[in-house]
Amino acid sequence: MPKMKTKSAAKKRFSFTATGKVKAGPAGKRHGMIKRSTKFIRDVTGTMVLCDSDAKIVKKYMPYDR
């Protein structure tokens, strides 16, 4: 059987924790920081763990990274 391919866009944007959860960077910090509140900018720093429904989609894109 041929191997399944990993989506290149997904492997650049997501990573997995040791327990199998999916980590991602929050959206909304590329540009337009002037109009955003200080609290919003502070809250979207670092990484976040995706919810189960979103993680299920990402895991289909990355069949070997579990």
Protein backbone atom coordinates (compact mmCIF):
# COMPACT_ATOMS: atom_id res chain seq x y z
CA MET A 1 0.00 0.00 0.00
CA PRO A 2 1.22 3.53 -0.69
CA LYS A 3 1.99 5.79 2.24
CA MET A 4 -0.38 8.57 3.29
CA LYS A 5 0.93 12.08 2.81
CA THR A 6 1.14 14.72 5.53
CA LYS A 7 -0.29 18.13 4.57
CA SER A 8 2.64 20.54 4.38
CA ALA A 9 0.57 23.47 5.66
CA ALA A 10 -0.53 21.48 8.71
CA LYS A 11 2.95 20.41 9.75
CA LYS A 12 4.09 24.04 9.68
CA ARG A 13 1.21 25.29 11.84
CA PHE A 14 0.45 22.53 14.36
CA SER A 15 2.37 20.32 16.76
CA PHE A 16 1.39 17.61 19.22
CA THR A 17 1.79 17.36 22.97
CA ALA A 18 3.06 14.20 24.63
CA THR A 19 -0.51 13.17 25.45
CA GLY A 20 -1.66 13.58 21.82
CA LYS A 21 -3.39 16.94 22.02
CA VAL A 22 -2.86 19.46 19.21
CA LYS A 23 -1.04 22.75 19.87
CA ALA A 24 -1.46 25.82 17.68
CA GLY A 25 -0.71 29.52 17.75
CA PRO A 26 -3.78 31.74 18.27
CA ALA A 27 -5.00 33.78 15.31
CA GLY A 28 -5.15 37.56 15.13
CA LYS A 29 -1.62 38.83 15.78
CA ARG A 30 -0.21 39.37 12.29
CA HIS A 31 -1.20 42.99 11.78
CA GLY A 32 -3.60 45.67 13.02
CA MET A 33 -2.41 45.71 16.63
CA ILE A 34 -3.33 49.38 17.04
CA LYS A 35 -7.06 48.69 16.92
CA ARG A 36 -6.88 45.64 19.21
CA SER A 37 -7.18 45.94 22.97
CA THR A 38 -4.18 45.36 25.20
CA LYS A 39 -6.01 42.49 26.87
CA PHE A 40 -6.57 40.77 23.51
CA ILE A 41 -2.91 41.08 22.55
CA ARG A 42 -1.88 39.68 25.93
CA ASP A 43 -4.33 36.76 25.70
CA VAL A 44 -3.21 35.56 22.27
CA THR A 45 0.50 35.22 23.08
CA GLY A 46 2.11 31.80 23.18
CA THR A 47 0.30 28.65 22.08
CA MET A 48 -3.08 27.08 22.79
CA VAL A 49 -4.50 23.58 22.73
CA LEU A 50 -7.21 23.01 20.13
CA CYS A 51 -10.66 21.72 21.07
CA ASP A 52 -11.50 18.09 20.28
CA SER A 53 -13.52 18.80 17.14
CA ASP A 54 -10.73 20.88 15.58
CA ALA A 55 -8.04 18.43 16.70
CA LYS A 56 -9.86 15.61 14.93
CA ILE A 57 -9.58 17.50 11.60
CA VAL A 58 -5.88 18.29 12.11
CA LYS A 59 -5.08 14.65 12.96
CA LYS A 60 -6.45 13.60 9.57
CA TYR A 61 -3.96 15.93 7.90
CA MET A 62 -1.03 14.51 9.92
CA PRO A 63 -1.41 10.71 9.97
CA TYR A 64 2.06 9.90 11.33
CA ASP A 65 2.64 12.65 13.93
CA ARG A 66 0.87 11.27 16.98
